[in-house]
Amino acid sequence: MAVKITPTNNGPYMVEGEVELVSPSGKPIPTKGGKTFLCRCGGSTNKPFCDGTHSKTGFQAAEAAVAAQEG
C-alpha cells in the first residue's frame, strides 16, 4: 500500500501506510500500526505525534491546506 497523508479538518496529518519515522539523530521512532497522526498545530507535548492539543487551542488549518483537501 502506498503511503497516504491527509490533513484532517483543523487537526493533525493522518498518515496511512507503513512509514518509518526517525529522530533528528537518526534513531527510529516507533509507530503503531498502519495509521499515524502527526501534529500540525505545533502544540503537542508528544511531538511529532498528535496529542489532541489542537482541539484545546482552537487550531484552524491554513486555507490552502483545506482547499487542497476539498479539491
N, C-alpha and C. Protein backbone atom coordinates (compact mmCIF):
# COMPACT_ATOMS: atom_id res chain seq x y z
N MET A 1 0.83 -1.18 0.00
CA MET A 1 0.00 0.00 0.00
C MET A 1 0.88 1.25 0.00
N ALA A 2 0.57 2.17 -0.85
CA ALA A 2 1.29 3.43 -0.89
C ALA A 2 0.95 4.25 0.35
N VAL A 3 1.86 5.08 0.76
CA VAL A 3 1.63 5.96 1.91
C VAL A 3 0.72 7.09 1.47
N LYS A 4 -0.26 7.38 2.31
CA LYS A 4 -1.22 8.45 2.04
C LYS A 4 -1.20 9.40 3.23
N ILE A 5 -1.03 10.70 2.97
CA ILE A 5 -1.01 11.72 4.03
C ILE A 5 -2.16 12.67 3.78
N THR A 6 -3.05 12.78 4.78
CA THR A 6 -4.24 13.61 4.66
C THR A 6 -4.30 14.59 5.82
N PRO A 7 -4.38 15.91 5.54
CA PRO A 7 -4.59 16.84 6.63
C PRO A 7 -6.05 16.75 7.08
N THR A 8 -6.27 16.47 8.36
CA THR A 8 -7.64 16.39 8.86
C THR A 8 -8.17 17.80 9.10
N ASN A 9 -9.47 17.92 9.17
CA ASN A 9 -10.11 19.23 9.33
C ASN A 9 -9.72 19.86 10.67
N ASN A 10 -8.90 20.90 10.61
CA ASN A 10 -8.42 21.61 11.80
C ASN A 10 -7.78 20.68 12.82
N GLY A 11 -7.08 19.67 12.32
CA GLY A 11 -6.42 18.70 13.19
C GLY A 11 -5.11 18.24 12.60
N PRO A 12 -4.68 17.05 13.00
CA PRO A 12 -3.36 16.57 12.60
C PRO A 12 -3.32 16.04 11.17
N TYR A 13 -2.11 15.70 10.73
CA TYR A 13 -1.94 14.96 9.49
C TYR A 13 -2.19 13.49 9.81
N MET A 14 -3.01 12.83 9.02
CA MET A 14 -3.23 11.40 9.17
C MET A 14 -2.36 10.71 8.13
N VAL A 15 -1.45 9.87 8.59
CA VAL A 15 -0.54 9.14 7.72
C VAL A 15 -0.99 7.69 7.71
N GLU A 16 -1.36 7.19 6.52
CA GLU A 16 -1.81 5.81 6.38
C GLU A 16 -0.79 5.05 5.54
N GLY A 17 -0.47 3.86 6.00
CA GLY A 17 0.53 3.03 5.33
C GLY A 17 1.76 2.90 6.20
N GLU A 18 2.61 1.98 5.84
CA GLU A 18 3.81 1.73 6.61
C GLU A 18 4.87 2.79 6.33
N VAL A 19 5.25 3.52 7.35
CA VAL A 19 6.30 4.52 7.24
C VAL A 19 7.29 4.32 8.38
N GLU A 20 8.51 4.80 8.18
CA GLU A 20 9.49 4.78 9.24
C GLU A 20 9.80 6.23 9.62
N LEU A 21 9.51 6.59 10.86
CA LEU A 21 9.85 7.91 11.36
C LEU A 21 11.17 7.81 12.10
N VAL A 22 12.03 8.81 11.90
CA VAL A 22 13.30 8.83 12.61
C VAL A 22 13.51 10.19 13.26
N SER A 23 14.21 10.20 14.38
CA SER A 23 14.53 11.43 15.09
C SER A 23 15.63 12.18 14.33
N PRO A 24 15.90 13.43 14.71
CA PRO A 24 16.98 14.16 14.05
C PRO A 24 18.33 13.45 14.13
N SER A 25 18.51 12.62 15.17
CA SER A 25 19.78 11.88 15.30
C SER A 25 19.77 10.57 14.53
N GLY A 26 18.64 10.25 13.87
CA GLY A 26 18.55 9.04 13.07
C GLY A 26 17.97 7.84 13.80
N LYS A 27 17.58 8.02 15.06
CA LYS A 27 17.01 6.92 15.84
C LYS A 27 15.56 6.69 15.43
N PRO A 28 15.18 5.44 15.17
CA PRO A 28 13.79 5.17 14.79
C PRO A 28 12.81 5.56 15.89
N ILE A 29 11.68 6.12 15.49
CA ILE A 29 10.59 6.47 16.41
C ILE A 29 9.49 5.46 16.17
N PRO A 30 9.14 4.65 17.19
CA PRO A 30 8.11 3.63 16.98
C PRO A 30 6.74 4.23 16.63
N THR A 31 6.04 3.58 15.72
CA THR A 31 4.67 3.96 15.37
C THR A 31 3.78 2.75 15.60
N LYS A 32 2.49 3.00 15.70
CA LYS A 32 1.54 1.92 15.96
C LYS A 32 0.73 1.62 14.70
N GLY A 33 0.93 0.45 14.14
CA GLY A 33 0.12 0.01 13.01
C GLY A 33 0.28 0.84 11.76
N GLY A 34 -0.75 0.81 10.93
CA GLY A 34 -0.69 1.46 9.64
C GLY A 34 -1.27 2.85 9.61
N LYS A 35 -1.65 3.41 10.77
CA LYS A 35 -2.23 4.76 10.79
C LYS A 35 -1.57 5.55 11.91
N THR A 36 -1.00 6.71 11.55
CA THR A 36 -0.30 7.57 12.50
C THR A 36 -0.81 8.99 12.34
N PHE A 37 -0.96 9.69 13.46
CA PHE A 37 -1.42 11.08 13.43
C PHE A 37 -0.28 11.98 13.88
N LEU A 38 0.12 12.90 12.99
CA LEU A 38 1.24 13.80 13.27
C LEU A 38 0.74 15.21 13.55
N CYS A 39 1.32 15.83 14.57
CA CYS A 39 0.93 17.17 14.99
C CYS A 39 1.13 18.17 13.86
N ARG A 40 0.15 19.03 13.71
CA ARG A 40 0.21 20.09 12.72
C ARG A 40 0.03 21.45 13.38
N CYS A 41 -0.45 21.48 14.63
CA CYS A 41 -0.71 22.75 15.30
C CYS A 41 0.52 23.29 16.02
N GLY A 42 1.49 22.41 16.29
CA GLY A 42 2.70 22.83 16.98
C GLY A 42 2.61 22.75 18.49
N GLY A 43 1.46 22.39 19.04
CA GLY A 43 1.27 22.41 20.48
C GLY A 43 1.38 21.07 21.19
N SER A 44 1.56 19.99 20.46
CA SER A 44 1.60 18.67 21.09
C SER A 44 2.76 18.55 22.06
N THR A 45 2.52 17.88 23.18
CA THR A 45 3.61 17.59 24.11
C THR A 45 4.25 16.24 23.80
N ASN A 46 3.77 15.60 22.73
CA ASN A 46 4.27 14.30 22.32
C ASN A 46 4.72 14.33 20.87
N LYS A 47 5.33 15.44 20.44
CA LYS A 47 5.76 15.60 19.05
C LYS A 47 6.70 14.47 18.65
N PRO A 48 6.60 13.99 17.45
CA PRO A 48 5.86 14.54 16.32
C PRO A 48 4.41 14.10 16.28
N PHE A 49 3.97 13.34 17.29
CA PHE A 49 2.62 12.79 17.27
C PHE A 49 1.60 13.78 17.82
N CYS A 50 0.37 13.65 17.37
CA CYS A 50 -0.73 14.48 17.85
C CYS A 50 -1.17 13.98 19.21
N ASP A 51 -1.42 14.90 20.14
CA ASP A 51 -1.96 14.52 21.45
C ASP A 51 -3.32 15.17 21.72
N GLY A 52 -3.90 15.77 20.68
CA GLY A 52 -5.22 16.38 20.82
C GLY A 52 -5.21 17.84 21.23
N THR A 53 -4.03 18.42 21.40
CA THR A 53 -3.93 19.81 21.84
C THR A 53 -4.65 20.76 20.89
N HIS A 54 -4.69 20.44 19.60
CA HIS A 54 -5.34 21.32 18.62
C HIS A 54 -6.78 21.63 18.99
N SER A 55 -7.47 20.68 19.61
CA SER A 55 -8.87 20.91 19.98
C SER A 55 -9.00 21.83 21.19
N LYS A 56 -7.95 21.92 22.00
CA LYS A 56 -7.97 22.79 23.18
C LYS A 56 -7.52 24.21 22.86
N THR A 57 -6.73 24.35 21.80
CA THR A 57 -6.18 25.67 21.46
C THR A 57 -6.95 26.39 20.37
N GLY A 58 -7.92 25.70 19.77
CA GLY A 58 -8.69 26.31 18.69
C GLY A 58 -7.93 26.39 17.38
N PHE A 59 -6.98 25.47 17.17
CA PHE A 59 -6.20 25.46 15.93
C PHE A 59 -7.12 25.47 14.72
N GLN A 60 -6.79 26.31 13.77
CA GLN A 60 -7.51 26.34 12.49
C GLN A 60 -6.49 26.17 11.37
N ALA A 61 -6.79 25.25 10.49
CA ALA A 61 -5.89 24.94 9.38
C ALA A 61 -5.77 26.11 8.42
N ALA A 62 -4.63 26.20 7.77
CA ALA A 62 -4.43 27.22 6.75
C ALA A 62 -5.40 26.98 5.61
N GLU A 63 -5.91 28.05 5.03
CA GLU A 63 -6.87 27.95 3.92
C GLU A 63 -6.35 27.08 2.78
N ALA A 64 -5.08 27.19 2.47
CA ALA A 64 -4.52 26.44 1.34
C ALA A 64 -4.62 24.94 1.59
N ALA A 65 -4.36 24.49 2.82
CA ALA A 65 -4.43 23.07 3.13
C ALA A 65 -5.87 22.57 3.04
N VAL A 66 -6.79 23.35 3.54
CA VAL A 66 -8.21 22.97 3.49
C VAL A 66 -8.69 22.93 2.05
N ALA A 67 -8.35 23.93 1.27
CA ALA A 67 -8.77 23.98 -0.14
C ALA A 67 -8.21 22.81 -0.93
N ALA A 68 -6.95 22.46 -0.68
CA ALA A 68 -6.33 21.35 -1.39
C ALA A 68 -7.03 20.04 -1.05
N GLN A 69 -7.41 19.87 0.20
CA GLN A 69 -8.07 18.64 0.62
C GLN A 69 -9.47 18.54 0.01
N GLU A 70 -10.17 19.65 -0.06
CA GLU A 70 -11.53 19.64 -0.57
C GLU A 70 -11.60 19.58 -2.09
N GLY A 71 -10.45 19.84 -2.72
CA GLY A 71 -10.37 19.69 -4.17
C GLY A 71 -10.74 20.91 -4.90
